[in-house]
N, C-alpha and C. Protein backbone atom coordinates (compact mmCIF):
# COMPACT_ATOMS: atom_id res chain seq x y z
N MET A 1 10.12 -11.40 -56.40
CA MET A 1 11.06 -10.35 -56.80
C MET A 1 11.65 -9.71 -55.55
N ARG A 2 12.94 -9.53 -55.57
CA ARG A 2 13.64 -8.97 -54.42
C ARG A 2 14.22 -7.60 -54.78
N ILE A 3 13.92 -6.63 -53.93
CA ILE A 3 14.30 -5.24 -54.18
C ILE A 3 15.26 -4.75 -53.11
N LEU A 4 16.31 -4.03 -53.53
CA LEU A 4 17.17 -3.32 -52.60
C LEU A 4 16.69 -1.88 -52.53
N LEU A 5 16.21 -1.47 -51.37
CA LEU A 5 15.71 -0.11 -51.16
C LEU A 5 16.71 0.66 -50.32
N VAL A 6 17.25 1.74 -50.89
CA VAL A 6 18.28 2.53 -50.21
C VAL A 6 17.70 3.93 -49.97
N GLU A 7 17.32 4.19 -48.73
CA GLU A 7 16.66 5.45 -48.37
C GLU A 7 16.98 5.77 -46.91
N ASP A 8 17.55 6.96 -46.67
CA ASP A 8 17.98 7.30 -45.31
C ASP A 8 16.91 8.03 -44.50
N ASP A 9 15.81 8.40 -45.11
CA ASP A 9 14.73 9.04 -44.36
C ASP A 9 14.08 8.01 -43.44
N ARG A 10 14.08 8.27 -42.13
CA ARG A 10 13.63 7.28 -41.16
C ARG A 10 12.15 6.98 -41.25
N ASP A 11 11.37 7.90 -41.81
CA ASP A 11 9.93 7.66 -41.99
C ASP A 11 9.64 7.08 -43.37
N LEU A 12 10.24 7.69 -44.38
CA LEU A 12 9.94 7.28 -45.75
C LEU A 12 10.43 5.87 -46.05
N GLY A 13 11.65 5.54 -45.63
CA GLY A 13 12.21 4.23 -45.95
C GLY A 13 11.32 3.08 -45.50
N PRO A 14 11.00 2.99 -44.19
CA PRO A 14 10.13 1.90 -43.72
C PRO A 14 8.74 1.93 -44.36
N SER A 15 8.22 3.14 -44.63
CA SER A 15 6.90 3.26 -45.24
C SER A 15 6.89 2.67 -46.65
N VAL A 16 7.91 3.00 -47.45
CA VAL A 16 7.99 2.46 -48.81
C VAL A 16 8.23 0.96 -48.77
N ALA A 17 9.07 0.50 -47.83
CA ALA A 17 9.33 -0.93 -47.70
C ALA A 17 8.03 -1.70 -47.42
N ARG A 18 7.22 -1.17 -46.51
CA ARG A 18 5.94 -1.82 -46.19
C ARG A 18 5.04 -1.87 -47.41
N ALA A 19 4.99 -0.77 -48.15
CA ALA A 19 4.13 -0.71 -49.33
C ALA A 19 4.59 -1.71 -50.39
N LEU A 20 5.89 -1.84 -50.58
CA LEU A 20 6.40 -2.80 -51.56
C LEU A 20 6.13 -4.23 -51.11
N ARG A 21 6.26 -4.49 -49.82
CA ARG A 21 5.95 -5.84 -49.33
C ARG A 21 4.48 -6.16 -49.50
N ASP A 22 3.61 -5.15 -49.37
CA ASP A 22 2.18 -5.36 -49.60
C ASP A 22 1.92 -5.78 -51.05
N GLU A 23 2.83 -5.41 -51.94
CA GLU A 23 2.72 -5.79 -53.35
C GLU A 23 3.51 -7.08 -53.65
N LYS A 24 3.88 -7.80 -52.59
CA LYS A 24 4.53 -9.12 -52.64
C LYS A 24 6.02 -9.08 -52.96
N PHE A 25 6.64 -7.89 -53.01
CA PHE A 25 8.09 -7.82 -53.18
C PHE A 25 8.79 -8.23 -51.89
N ALA A 26 9.95 -8.86 -52.02
CA ALA A 26 10.87 -9.02 -50.89
C ALA A 26 11.75 -7.77 -50.88
N VAL A 27 11.93 -7.15 -49.71
CA VAL A 27 12.62 -5.86 -49.64
C VAL A 27 13.72 -5.88 -48.59
N ASP A 28 14.92 -5.49 -48.99
CA ASP A 28 16.00 -5.23 -48.05
C ASP A 28 16.20 -3.72 -47.99
N LEU A 29 16.00 -3.13 -46.81
CA LEU A 29 16.09 -1.69 -46.63
C LEU A 29 17.39 -1.33 -45.94
N VAL A 30 18.16 -0.41 -46.53
CA VAL A 30 19.36 0.13 -45.89
C VAL A 30 19.32 1.65 -46.01
N ALA A 31 20.03 2.33 -45.10
CA ALA A 31 19.98 3.79 -45.04
C ALA A 31 21.34 4.43 -45.24
N ASP A 32 22.32 3.66 -45.68
CA ASP A 32 23.69 4.15 -45.80
C ASP A 32 24.28 3.73 -47.14
N GLY A 33 25.00 4.63 -47.78
CA GLY A 33 25.56 4.34 -49.08
C GLY A 33 26.60 3.23 -49.07
N ILE A 34 27.36 3.13 -48.00
CA ILE A 34 28.38 2.08 -47.89
C ILE A 34 27.73 0.71 -47.80
N ASP A 35 26.66 0.60 -46.99
CA ASP A 35 25.93 -0.67 -46.89
C ASP A 35 25.29 -1.02 -48.23
N ALA A 36 24.75 0.00 -48.90
CA ALA A 36 24.11 -0.24 -50.19
C ALA A 36 25.11 -0.77 -51.21
N ALA A 37 26.28 -0.15 -51.26
CA ALA A 37 27.31 -0.59 -52.21
C ALA A 37 27.68 -2.04 -51.96
N HIS A 38 27.82 -2.41 -50.68
CA HIS A 38 28.20 -3.77 -50.32
C HIS A 38 27.12 -4.78 -50.73
N LEU A 39 25.86 -4.47 -50.40
CA LEU A 39 24.78 -5.40 -50.73
C LEU A 39 24.61 -5.55 -52.23
N GLY A 40 24.73 -4.45 -52.96
CA GLY A 40 24.62 -4.53 -54.41
C GLY A 40 25.71 -5.38 -55.04
N ASP A 41 26.86 -5.44 -54.38
CA ASP A 41 27.98 -6.24 -54.87
C ASP A 41 27.85 -7.72 -54.51
N THR A 42 27.23 -8.01 -53.37
CA THR A 42 27.28 -9.36 -52.84
C THR A 42 25.96 -10.12 -52.85
N GLU A 43 24.83 -9.42 -52.99
CA GLU A 43 23.53 -10.06 -52.98
C GLU A 43 22.87 -10.00 -54.35
N LEU A 44 21.83 -10.81 -54.52
CA LEU A 44 21.14 -10.89 -55.81
C LEU A 44 19.79 -10.19 -55.70
N TYR A 45 19.58 -9.16 -56.52
CA TYR A 45 18.33 -8.41 -56.52
C TYR A 45 17.78 -8.31 -57.93
N ASP A 46 16.45 -8.12 -57.99
CA ASP A 46 15.82 -7.88 -59.29
C ASP A 46 15.90 -6.42 -59.69
N ALA A 47 15.97 -5.53 -58.71
CA ALA A 47 16.09 -4.09 -58.99
C ALA A 47 16.47 -3.38 -57.70
N ALA A 48 16.94 -2.14 -57.84
CA ALA A 48 17.28 -1.31 -56.67
C ALA A 48 16.58 0.03 -56.79
N VAL A 49 16.13 0.54 -55.65
CA VAL A 49 15.61 1.90 -55.55
C VAL A 49 16.64 2.67 -54.74
N LEU A 50 17.27 3.65 -55.36
CA LEU A 50 18.46 4.29 -54.78
C LEU A 50 18.28 5.79 -54.62
N ASP A 51 18.31 6.25 -53.37
CA ASP A 51 18.31 7.68 -53.09
C ASP A 51 19.69 8.25 -53.42
N LEU A 52 19.76 9.52 -53.81
CA LEU A 52 21.05 10.12 -54.14
C LEU A 52 21.75 10.71 -52.91
N GLY A 53 20.99 11.38 -52.04
CA GLY A 53 21.60 12.02 -50.87
C GLY A 53 21.71 11.06 -49.70
N LEU A 54 22.81 10.32 -49.64
CA LEU A 54 22.97 9.29 -48.62
C LEU A 54 24.17 9.58 -47.73
N PRO A 55 24.13 9.17 -46.46
CA PRO A 55 25.33 9.26 -45.62
C PRO A 55 26.32 8.16 -45.99
N GLY A 56 27.58 8.39 -45.70
CA GLY A 56 28.60 7.39 -45.95
C GLY A 56 29.15 7.44 -47.36
N GLN A 57 28.26 7.33 -48.33
CA GLN A 57 28.64 7.39 -49.75
C GLN A 57 27.40 7.80 -50.53
N ASP A 58 27.53 8.81 -51.38
CA ASP A 58 26.35 9.32 -52.08
C ASP A 58 25.89 8.32 -53.14
N GLY A 59 24.61 8.47 -53.53
CA GLY A 59 24.00 7.51 -54.46
C GLY A 59 24.68 7.43 -55.81
N VAL A 60 25.12 8.56 -56.35
CA VAL A 60 25.79 8.54 -57.65
C VAL A 60 27.09 7.74 -57.57
N SER A 61 27.83 7.89 -56.49
CA SER A 61 29.07 7.13 -56.31
C SER A 61 28.79 5.64 -56.19
N VAL A 62 27.72 5.29 -55.46
CA VAL A 62 27.32 3.89 -55.33
C VAL A 62 27.00 3.30 -56.70
N LEU A 63 26.20 4.03 -57.46
CA LEU A 63 25.79 3.55 -58.77
C LEU A 63 26.98 3.45 -59.72
N ASN A 64 27.85 4.44 -59.69
CA ASN A 64 29.06 4.38 -60.52
C ASN A 64 29.89 3.13 -60.20
N ALA A 65 30.03 2.83 -58.92
CA ALA A 65 30.82 1.66 -58.51
C ALA A 65 30.18 0.37 -59.01
N TRP A 66 28.85 0.28 -58.92
CA TRP A 66 28.16 -0.92 -59.42
C TRP A 66 28.40 -1.11 -60.91
N ARG A 67 28.24 -0.02 -61.66
CA ARG A 67 28.37 -0.13 -63.12
C ARG A 67 29.82 -0.43 -63.52
N GLU A 68 30.77 0.18 -62.84
CA GLU A 68 32.18 -0.08 -63.14
C GLU A 68 32.55 -1.53 -62.84
N ALA A 69 31.83 -2.14 -61.89
CA ALA A 69 32.07 -3.54 -61.54
C ALA A 69 31.30 -4.49 -62.45
N GLY A 70 30.56 -3.93 -63.42
CA GLY A 70 29.83 -4.75 -64.37
C GLY A 70 28.46 -5.19 -63.90
N LYS A 71 27.93 -4.56 -62.83
CA LYS A 71 26.62 -4.93 -62.32
C LYS A 71 25.53 -4.36 -63.24
N THR A 72 24.64 -5.23 -63.71
CA THR A 72 23.57 -4.82 -64.62
C THR A 72 22.24 -4.64 -63.90
N LEU A 73 22.26 -4.67 -62.59
CA LEU A 73 21.06 -4.51 -61.78
C LEU A 73 20.26 -3.27 -62.21
N PRO A 74 18.97 -3.41 -62.56
CA PRO A 74 18.17 -2.22 -62.89
C PRO A 74 18.06 -1.30 -61.67
N VAL A 75 18.29 -0.02 -61.88
CA VAL A 75 18.29 0.93 -60.77
C VAL A 75 17.35 2.09 -61.06
N LEU A 76 16.44 2.32 -60.11
CA LEU A 76 15.57 3.49 -60.17
C LEU A 76 16.07 4.48 -59.13
N VAL A 77 16.48 5.65 -59.59
CA VAL A 77 16.98 6.69 -58.70
C VAL A 77 15.79 7.44 -58.09
N LEU A 78 15.81 7.54 -56.77
CA LEU A 78 14.74 8.19 -56.02
C LEU A 78 15.35 9.34 -55.23
N THR A 79 14.86 10.56 -55.48
CA THR A 79 15.51 11.70 -54.86
C THR A 79 14.58 12.89 -54.75
N ALA A 80 14.90 13.78 -53.82
CA ALA A 80 14.17 15.03 -53.69
C ALA A 80 14.72 16.08 -54.63
N ARG A 81 15.84 15.80 -55.22
CA ARG A 81 16.47 16.76 -56.14
C ARG A 81 15.76 16.71 -57.50
N ASP A 82 15.24 17.85 -57.91
CA ASP A 82 14.52 17.86 -59.19
C ASP A 82 15.25 18.67 -60.26
N GLY A 83 16.50 19.06 -59.96
CA GLY A 83 17.26 19.82 -60.95
C GLY A 83 17.72 18.92 -62.09
N TRP A 84 17.78 19.51 -63.28
CA TRP A 84 18.18 18.75 -64.46
C TRP A 84 19.58 18.16 -64.31
N SER A 85 20.49 18.90 -63.66
CA SER A 85 21.86 18.41 -63.52
C SER A 85 21.91 17.14 -62.68
N ASP A 86 21.05 17.05 -61.65
CA ASP A 86 21.02 15.84 -60.83
C ASP A 86 20.49 14.65 -61.61
N LYS A 87 19.49 14.90 -62.46
CA LYS A 87 18.97 13.81 -63.29
C LYS A 87 20.03 13.33 -64.27
N VAL A 88 20.74 14.28 -64.88
CA VAL A 88 21.80 13.92 -65.83
C VAL A 88 22.88 13.11 -65.13
N ALA A 89 23.26 13.53 -63.91
CA ALA A 89 24.29 12.81 -63.17
C ALA A 89 23.86 11.38 -62.88
N GLY A 90 22.59 11.21 -62.52
CA GLY A 90 22.08 9.87 -62.25
C GLY A 90 22.09 8.99 -63.48
N PHE A 91 21.63 9.53 -64.61
CA PHE A 91 21.61 8.73 -65.83
C PHE A 91 23.01 8.45 -66.35
N LYS A 92 23.91 9.42 -66.23
CA LYS A 92 25.28 9.18 -66.64
C LYS A 92 25.95 8.09 -65.81
N ALA A 93 25.55 7.99 -64.55
CA ALA A 93 26.11 6.97 -63.67
C ALA A 93 25.55 5.58 -63.98
N GLY A 94 24.45 5.54 -64.74
CA GLY A 94 23.89 4.25 -65.13
C GLY A 94 22.50 3.97 -64.62
N ALA A 95 21.76 5.00 -64.19
CA ALA A 95 20.39 4.79 -63.74
C ALA A 95 19.50 4.38 -64.90
N ASP A 96 18.49 3.57 -64.61
CA ASP A 96 17.54 3.12 -65.63
C ASP A 96 16.25 3.92 -65.61
N ASP A 97 15.95 4.53 -64.47
CA ASP A 97 14.72 5.32 -64.34
C ASP A 97 14.92 6.31 -63.20
N TYR A 98 13.99 7.26 -63.09
CA TYR A 98 14.15 8.37 -62.16
C TYR A 98 12.78 8.75 -61.61
N LEU A 99 12.68 8.92 -60.31
CA LEU A 99 11.43 9.33 -59.69
C LEU A 99 11.74 10.38 -58.62
N VAL A 100 11.04 11.50 -58.69
CA VAL A 100 11.29 12.63 -57.79
C VAL A 100 10.30 12.61 -56.64
N LYS A 101 10.80 12.84 -55.42
CA LYS A 101 9.94 12.98 -54.24
C LYS A 101 9.23 14.33 -54.27
N PRO A 102 8.01 14.43 -53.77
CA PRO A 102 7.16 13.32 -53.30
C PRO A 102 6.59 12.53 -54.48
N PHE A 103 6.26 11.30 -54.25
CA PHE A 103 5.78 10.43 -55.32
C PHE A 103 4.68 9.52 -54.78
N ARG A 104 3.95 8.91 -55.69
CA ARG A 104 2.93 7.94 -55.33
C ARG A 104 3.57 6.55 -55.36
N VAL A 105 3.34 5.79 -54.32
CA VAL A 105 3.91 4.44 -54.26
C VAL A 105 3.43 3.60 -55.43
N GLU A 106 2.20 3.82 -55.87
CA GLU A 106 1.67 3.06 -57.00
C GLU A 106 2.52 3.26 -58.24
N GLU A 107 3.01 4.49 -58.44
CA GLU A 107 3.87 4.75 -59.59
C GLU A 107 5.22 4.05 -59.43
N LEU A 108 5.76 4.07 -58.23
CA LEU A 108 7.02 3.39 -57.97
C LEU A 108 6.89 1.90 -58.27
N VAL A 109 5.81 1.29 -57.82
CA VAL A 109 5.57 -0.14 -58.06
C VAL A 109 5.51 -0.44 -59.55
N MET A 110 4.76 0.36 -60.29
CA MET A 110 4.63 0.15 -61.73
C MET A 110 5.97 0.29 -62.45
N ARG A 111 6.75 1.29 -62.05
CA ARG A 111 8.05 1.49 -62.68
C ARG A 111 9.00 0.35 -62.37
N LEU A 112 8.97 -0.14 -61.13
CA LEU A 112 9.83 -1.27 -60.76
C LEU A 112 9.45 -2.51 -61.55
N ARG A 113 8.17 -2.78 -61.65
CA ARG A 113 7.73 -3.96 -62.41
C ARG A 113 8.16 -3.87 -63.87
N ALA A 114 8.08 -2.67 -64.43
CA ALA A 114 8.49 -2.48 -65.82
C ALA A 114 9.99 -2.70 -65.98
N LEU A 115 10.79 -2.20 -65.02
CA LEU A 115 12.24 -2.39 -65.08
C LEU A 115 12.61 -3.87 -65.04
N VAL A 116 11.98 -4.59 -64.12
CA VAL A 116 12.27 -6.03 -63.98
C VAL A 116 11.86 -6.78 -65.23
N ARG A 117 10.69 -6.46 -65.76
CA ARG A 117 10.22 -7.12 -66.98
C ARG A 117 11.16 -6.89 -68.15
N ARG A 118 11.57 -5.65 -68.36
CA ARG A 118 12.45 -5.35 -69.49
C ARG A 118 13.82 -5.99 -69.30
N ALA A 119 14.31 -6.02 -68.05
CA ALA A 119 15.59 -6.65 -67.79
C ALA A 119 15.56 -8.14 -68.11
N ALA A 120 14.38 -8.74 -68.00
CA ALA A 120 14.22 -10.16 -68.31
C ALA A 120 13.99 -10.40 -69.81
N GLY A 121 13.92 -9.31 -70.59
CA GLY A 121 13.80 -9.44 -72.04
C GLY A 121 12.40 -9.45 -72.59
N HIS A 122 11.42 -8.95 -71.81
CA HIS A 122 10.03 -8.95 -72.27
C HIS A 122 9.60 -7.52 -72.62
N ALA A 123 9.22 -7.32 -73.87
CA ALA A 123 8.76 -6.00 -74.31
C ALA A 123 7.31 -5.75 -73.90
N GLN A 124 6.49 -6.80 -73.95
CA GLN A 124 5.07 -6.67 -73.61
C GLN A 124 4.85 -6.98 -72.14
N SER A 125 3.87 -6.30 -71.55
CA SER A 125 3.62 -6.49 -70.12
C SER A 125 2.94 -7.83 -69.82
N ARG A 126 2.19 -8.36 -70.78
CA ARG A 126 1.48 -9.62 -70.56
C ARG A 126 2.31 -10.79 -71.07
N ILE A 127 2.61 -11.72 -70.18
CA ILE A 127 3.44 -12.88 -70.51
C ILE A 127 2.58 -14.12 -70.34
N THR A 128 2.61 -15.02 -71.33
CA THR A 128 1.78 -16.21 -71.28
C THR A 128 2.62 -17.47 -71.33
N CYS A 129 2.06 -18.52 -70.74
CA CYS A 129 2.68 -19.85 -70.74
C CYS A 129 1.54 -20.85 -70.74
N GLY A 130 1.11 -21.26 -71.93
CA GLY A 130 -0.06 -22.12 -72.02
C GLY A 130 -1.28 -21.43 -71.44
N PRO A 131 -2.01 -22.07 -70.51
CA PRO A 131 -3.20 -21.47 -69.92
C PRO A 131 -2.87 -20.45 -68.82
N LEU A 132 -1.58 -20.33 -68.50
CA LEU A 132 -1.15 -19.42 -67.44
C LEU A 132 -0.72 -18.09 -68.04
N SER A 133 -1.17 -16.99 -67.46
CA SER A 133 -0.75 -15.67 -67.94
C SER A 133 -0.37 -14.79 -66.75
N PHE A 134 0.51 -13.86 -67.02
CA PHE A 134 1.02 -12.96 -65.98
C PHE A 134 1.05 -11.55 -66.53
N ASP A 135 0.28 -10.67 -65.92
CA ASP A 135 0.32 -9.25 -66.26
C ASP A 135 1.40 -8.62 -65.38
N SER A 136 2.56 -8.39 -65.94
CA SER A 136 3.70 -7.93 -65.15
C SER A 136 3.54 -6.50 -64.66
N GLN A 137 2.60 -5.75 -65.21
CA GLN A 137 2.37 -4.38 -64.73
C GLN A 137 1.47 -4.35 -63.50
N THR A 138 0.46 -5.21 -63.47
CA THR A 138 -0.45 -5.25 -62.32
C THR A 138 -0.02 -6.31 -61.31
N GLY A 139 0.83 -7.25 -61.75
CA GLY A 139 1.26 -8.33 -60.88
C GLY A 139 0.26 -9.46 -60.78
N GLN A 140 -0.78 -9.45 -61.63
CA GLN A 140 -1.85 -10.44 -61.54
C GLN A 140 -1.56 -11.67 -62.40
N PHE A 141 -1.71 -12.85 -61.79
CA PHE A 141 -1.65 -14.12 -62.52
C PHE A 141 -3.07 -14.59 -62.81
N GLU A 142 -3.23 -15.23 -63.98
CA GLU A 142 -4.50 -15.86 -64.31
C GLU A 142 -4.24 -17.26 -64.83
N LEU A 143 -5.16 -18.17 -64.52
CA LEU A 143 -5.11 -19.53 -65.04
C LEU A 143 -6.43 -19.81 -65.73
N ASP A 144 -6.35 -20.11 -67.02
CA ASP A 144 -7.57 -20.30 -67.84
C ASP A 144 -8.49 -19.09 -67.75
N GLY A 145 -7.91 -17.91 -67.69
CA GLY A 145 -8.68 -16.67 -67.69
C GLY A 145 -9.23 -16.25 -66.34
N LEU A 146 -8.95 -17.03 -65.29
CA LEU A 146 -9.46 -16.70 -63.96
C LEU A 146 -8.31 -16.29 -63.05
N PRO A 147 -8.54 -15.29 -62.17
CA PRO A 147 -7.47 -14.84 -61.27
C PRO A 147 -6.95 -15.98 -60.41
N LEU A 148 -5.64 -16.00 -60.22
CA LEU A 148 -4.99 -17.04 -59.43
C LEU A 148 -4.57 -16.43 -58.10
N LYS A 149 -5.05 -17.00 -57.02
CA LYS A 149 -4.74 -16.49 -55.69
C LYS A 149 -3.45 -17.12 -55.20
N LEU A 150 -2.45 -16.26 -54.88
CA LEU A 150 -1.14 -16.74 -54.48
C LEU A 150 -0.67 -16.02 -53.21
N THR A 151 0.08 -16.72 -52.38
CA THR A 151 0.74 -16.06 -51.26
C THR A 151 1.92 -15.25 -51.81
N ALA A 152 2.51 -14.41 -50.96
CA ALA A 152 3.64 -13.60 -51.40
C ALA A 152 4.79 -14.48 -51.88
N PHE A 153 5.10 -15.55 -51.14
CA PHE A 153 6.20 -16.43 -51.53
C PHE A 153 5.89 -17.16 -52.83
N GLU A 154 4.67 -17.63 -52.97
CA GLU A 154 4.27 -18.31 -54.21
C GLU A 154 4.37 -17.35 -55.39
N TRP A 155 3.92 -16.11 -55.19
CA TRP A 155 3.97 -15.12 -56.26
C TRP A 155 5.41 -14.86 -56.68
N ARG A 156 6.31 -14.73 -55.71
CA ARG A 156 7.72 -14.45 -56.04
C ARG A 156 8.34 -15.59 -56.84
N VAL A 157 8.08 -16.82 -56.41
CA VAL A 157 8.64 -17.97 -57.14
C VAL A 157 8.06 -18.06 -58.54
N LEU A 158 6.74 -17.96 -58.65
CA LEU A 158 6.11 -18.11 -59.96
C LEU A 158 6.48 -16.96 -60.90
N SER A 159 6.63 -15.75 -60.38
CA SER A 159 7.01 -14.62 -61.25
C SER A 159 8.42 -14.83 -61.79
N GLN A 160 9.33 -15.37 -60.97
CA GLN A 160 10.69 -15.65 -61.46
C GLN A 160 10.66 -16.69 -62.57
N LEU A 161 9.88 -17.75 -62.37
CA LEU A 161 9.78 -18.80 -63.39
C LEU A 161 9.09 -18.29 -64.65
N MET A 162 8.09 -17.43 -64.47
CA MET A 162 7.35 -16.91 -65.61
C MET A 162 8.20 -15.96 -66.44
N LEU A 163 8.96 -15.12 -65.78
CA LEU A 163 9.81 -14.18 -66.52
C LEU A 163 10.88 -14.90 -67.33
N ARG A 164 11.23 -16.12 -66.90
CA ARG A 164 12.21 -16.92 -67.64
C ARG A 164 11.62 -18.26 -68.04
N ARG A 165 10.41 -18.20 -68.53
CA ARG A 165 9.66 -19.41 -68.91
C ARG A 165 10.50 -20.27 -69.87
N GLY A 166 10.49 -21.55 -69.62
CA GLY A 166 11.23 -22.48 -70.46
C GLY A 166 12.69 -22.64 -70.11
N ALA A 167 13.24 -21.72 -69.33
CA ALA A 167 14.65 -21.79 -68.92
C ALA A 167 14.74 -22.36 -67.49
N VAL A 168 15.89 -22.91 -67.17
CA VAL A 168 16.09 -23.44 -65.83
C VAL A 168 16.53 -22.30 -64.91
N VAL A 169 15.80 -22.12 -63.82
CA VAL A 169 16.18 -21.14 -62.80
C VAL A 169 16.83 -21.92 -61.66
N GLU A 170 18.09 -21.62 -61.39
CA GLU A 170 18.84 -22.35 -60.38
C GLU A 170 18.18 -22.21 -59.01
N ARG A 171 18.23 -23.30 -58.23
CA ARG A 171 17.61 -23.33 -56.91
C ARG A 171 18.16 -22.22 -56.00
N LEU A 172 19.47 -22.06 -55.98
CA LEU A 172 20.07 -21.04 -55.12
C LEU A 172 19.63 -19.64 -55.54
N GLU A 173 19.53 -19.41 -56.84
CA GLU A 173 19.09 -18.10 -57.31
C GLU A 173 17.65 -17.82 -56.89
N LEU A 174 16.80 -18.83 -56.98
CA LEU A 174 15.41 -18.66 -56.55
C LEU A 174 15.35 -18.30 -55.06
N LEU A 175 16.14 -19.00 -54.26
CA LEU A 175 16.16 -18.72 -52.83
C LEU A 175 16.57 -17.27 -52.57
N GLU A 176 17.58 -16.80 -53.29
CA GLU A 176 18.07 -15.44 -53.09
C GLU A 176 17.07 -14.39 -53.55
N ARG A 177 16.29 -14.71 -54.58
CA ARG A 177 15.37 -13.71 -55.12
C ARG A 177 14.00 -13.73 -54.44
N VAL A 178 13.74 -14.77 -53.63
CA VAL A 178 12.43 -14.92 -53.01
C VAL A 178 12.42 -14.42 -51.57
N TYR A 179 13.55 -14.58 -50.87
CA TYR A 179 13.60 -14.23 -49.45
C TYR A 179 14.41 -12.97 -49.21
N GLU A 180 14.04 -12.25 -48.15
CA GLU A 180 14.80 -11.08 -47.75
C GLU A 180 16.10 -11.51 -47.08
N GLY A 181 17.05 -10.59 -46.99
CA GLY A 181 18.39 -10.93 -46.56
C GLY A 181 18.51 -11.50 -45.17
N ASP A 182 17.59 -11.13 -44.26
CA ASP A 182 17.69 -11.62 -42.89
C ASP A 182 16.83 -12.85 -42.64
N ALA A 183 16.25 -13.42 -43.70
CA ALA A 183 15.38 -14.58 -43.54
C ALA A 183 16.19 -15.86 -43.36
N ASP A 184 15.67 -16.77 -42.55
CA ASP A 184 16.30 -18.07 -42.34
C ASP A 184 15.68 -19.05 -43.33
N THR A 185 16.42 -19.41 -44.36
CA THR A 185 15.85 -20.21 -45.45
C THR A 185 16.70 -21.44 -45.73
N ASP A 186 16.07 -22.41 -46.41
CA ASP A 186 16.79 -23.57 -46.91
C ASP A 186 16.02 -24.13 -48.11
N SER A 187 16.60 -25.12 -48.76
CA SER A 187 15.99 -25.68 -49.96
C SER A 187 14.64 -26.34 -49.67
N ASN A 188 14.48 -26.84 -48.45
CA ASN A 188 13.21 -27.49 -48.11
C ASN A 188 12.05 -26.51 -48.16
N SER A 189 12.29 -25.28 -47.70
CA SER A 189 11.22 -24.29 -47.73
C SER A 189 10.82 -23.97 -49.17
N LEU A 190 11.79 -23.96 -50.06
CA LEU A 190 11.49 -23.72 -51.48
C LEU A 190 10.70 -24.88 -52.06
N GLU A 191 11.05 -26.10 -51.68
CA GLU A 191 10.32 -27.28 -52.15
C GLU A 191 8.86 -27.21 -51.75
N VAL A 192 8.60 -26.74 -50.54
CA VAL A 192 7.22 -26.62 -50.06
C VAL A 192 6.44 -25.63 -50.92
N ILE A 193 7.06 -24.49 -51.23
CA ILE A 193 6.39 -23.47 -52.05
C ILE A 193 6.11 -24.02 -53.44
N VAL A 194 7.09 -24.67 -54.04
CA VAL A 194 6.91 -25.24 -55.37
C VAL A 194 5.80 -26.29 -55.35
N GLY A 195 5.76 -27.09 -54.29
CA GLY A 195 4.71 -28.09 -54.16
C GLY A 195 3.32 -27.47 -54.13
N ARG A 196 3.18 -26.37 -53.40
CA ARG A 196 1.89 -25.68 -53.36
C ARG A 196 1.52 -25.11 -54.72
N LEU A 197 2.51 -24.57 -55.41
CA LEU A 197 2.25 -24.02 -56.75
C LEU A 197 1.79 -25.11 -57.71
N ARG A 198 2.39 -26.28 -57.63
CA ARG A 198 1.99 -27.38 -58.52
C ARG A 198 0.54 -27.75 -58.31
N LYS A 199 0.09 -27.68 -57.07
CA LYS A 199 -1.32 -27.99 -56.80
C LYS A 199 -2.25 -26.94 -57.41
N LYS A 200 -1.76 -25.71 -57.50
CA LYS A 200 -2.61 -24.62 -57.99
C LYS A 200 -2.60 -24.49 -59.51
N ILE A 201 -1.46 -24.79 -60.15
CA ILE A 201 -1.38 -24.56 -61.61
C ILE A 201 -1.20 -25.85 -62.40
N GLY A 202 -1.05 -26.97 -61.71
CA GLY A 202 -0.87 -28.24 -62.41
C GLY A 202 0.51 -28.82 -62.13
N ALA A 203 0.55 -30.10 -61.74
CA ALA A 203 1.80 -30.73 -61.34
C ALA A 203 2.83 -30.76 -62.46
N ASP A 204 2.36 -30.81 -63.71
CA ASP A 204 3.30 -30.92 -64.84
C ASP A 204 3.81 -29.58 -65.32
N ARG A 205 3.35 -28.49 -64.73
CA ARG A 205 3.75 -27.16 -65.20
C ARG A 205 5.17 -26.78 -64.74
N ILE A 206 5.53 -27.20 -63.54
CA ILE A 206 6.85 -26.86 -63.01
C ILE A 206 7.71 -28.12 -63.00
N GLU A 207 8.75 -28.11 -63.80
CA GLU A 207 9.64 -29.26 -63.90
C GLU A 207 10.83 -29.09 -62.96
N THR A 208 11.19 -30.16 -62.28
CA THR A 208 12.40 -30.17 -61.45
C THR A 208 13.56 -30.66 -62.30
N VAL A 209 14.61 -29.88 -62.37
CA VAL A 209 15.82 -30.26 -63.09
C VAL A 209 16.83 -30.70 -62.04
N ARG A 210 17.04 -31.99 -61.97
CA ARG A 210 17.83 -32.57 -60.89
C ARG A 210 19.21 -31.91 -60.77
N GLY A 211 19.54 -31.53 -59.55
CA GLY A 211 20.84 -30.93 -59.28
C GLY A 211 20.96 -29.48 -59.68
N ARG A 212 19.89 -28.90 -60.23
CA ARG A 212 19.98 -27.52 -60.69
C ARG A 212 18.85 -26.66 -60.10
N GLY A 213 17.64 -26.85 -60.58
CA GLY A 213 16.55 -26.01 -60.11
C GLY A 213 15.25 -26.37 -60.76
N TYR A 214 14.52 -25.34 -61.25
CA TYR A 214 13.18 -25.54 -61.76
C TYR A 214 13.01 -24.81 -63.10
N SER A 215 12.04 -25.32 -63.87
CA SER A 215 11.71 -24.71 -65.15
C SER A 215 10.21 -24.75 -65.34
N LEU A 216 9.67 -23.66 -65.89
CA LEU A 216 8.24 -23.59 -66.17
C LEU A 216 7.99 -24.09 -67.58
N ALA A 217 7.24 -25.17 -67.71
CA ALA A 217 6.96 -25.79 -69.00
C ALA A 217 5.84 -25.05 -69.71
N CYS A 218 6.08 -24.61 -70.92
CA CYS A 218 5.09 -23.88 -71.72
C CYS A 218 4.80 -24.65 -72.99
N PRO A 219 3.63 -25.31 -73.09
CA PRO A 219 3.30 -26.08 -74.29
C PRO A 219 3.12 -25.18 -75.50
N GLY A 220 3.48 -25.72 -76.65
CA GLY A 220 3.28 -24.99 -77.91
C GLY A 220 4.16 -23.81 -78.07
């Protein structure tokens, strides 16, 4: 899962980015509203964490521009402003959730996971695919009831396939959702990750769709 984090606080931004990466998210951190607007328009993210008080362009204006352009990216507004009018402005602009500073990173993680899950069309937090299960709230995968140990890259790829089980996820889309914006990536690196996953969950679980991408096979 790839997150756009927009926070101009020089201490808070990097701190939250590190915490999200510890939870296996790919994170692009920017501190300016103009940069945020551009990335939201041109890059592929699973969700955005957007501060309201930003230099260059305020968060509400950024969010309004995304929604007017038809962007359905789930957005969690993060702000020190706790007034009702600020919350209303955020929701009117198209925010999906709201978190007031100071906050616990654990709560931010849980809210982000819930936003991504609901955006993918899953009402329940536990998603199953044959013997494979994914608790989208805790981020834990299990195979035959036992915890599955995954690297951050493996987790990102498998979570994308699990959230869209049975559907083909395009190779380019997987690359964009697995790696951060400044990463040097290619299709070969994705093939390596998929190969490792096949060894862990079964070679027949991940199907290659020639010329397109991958699909997670769910029996029954």
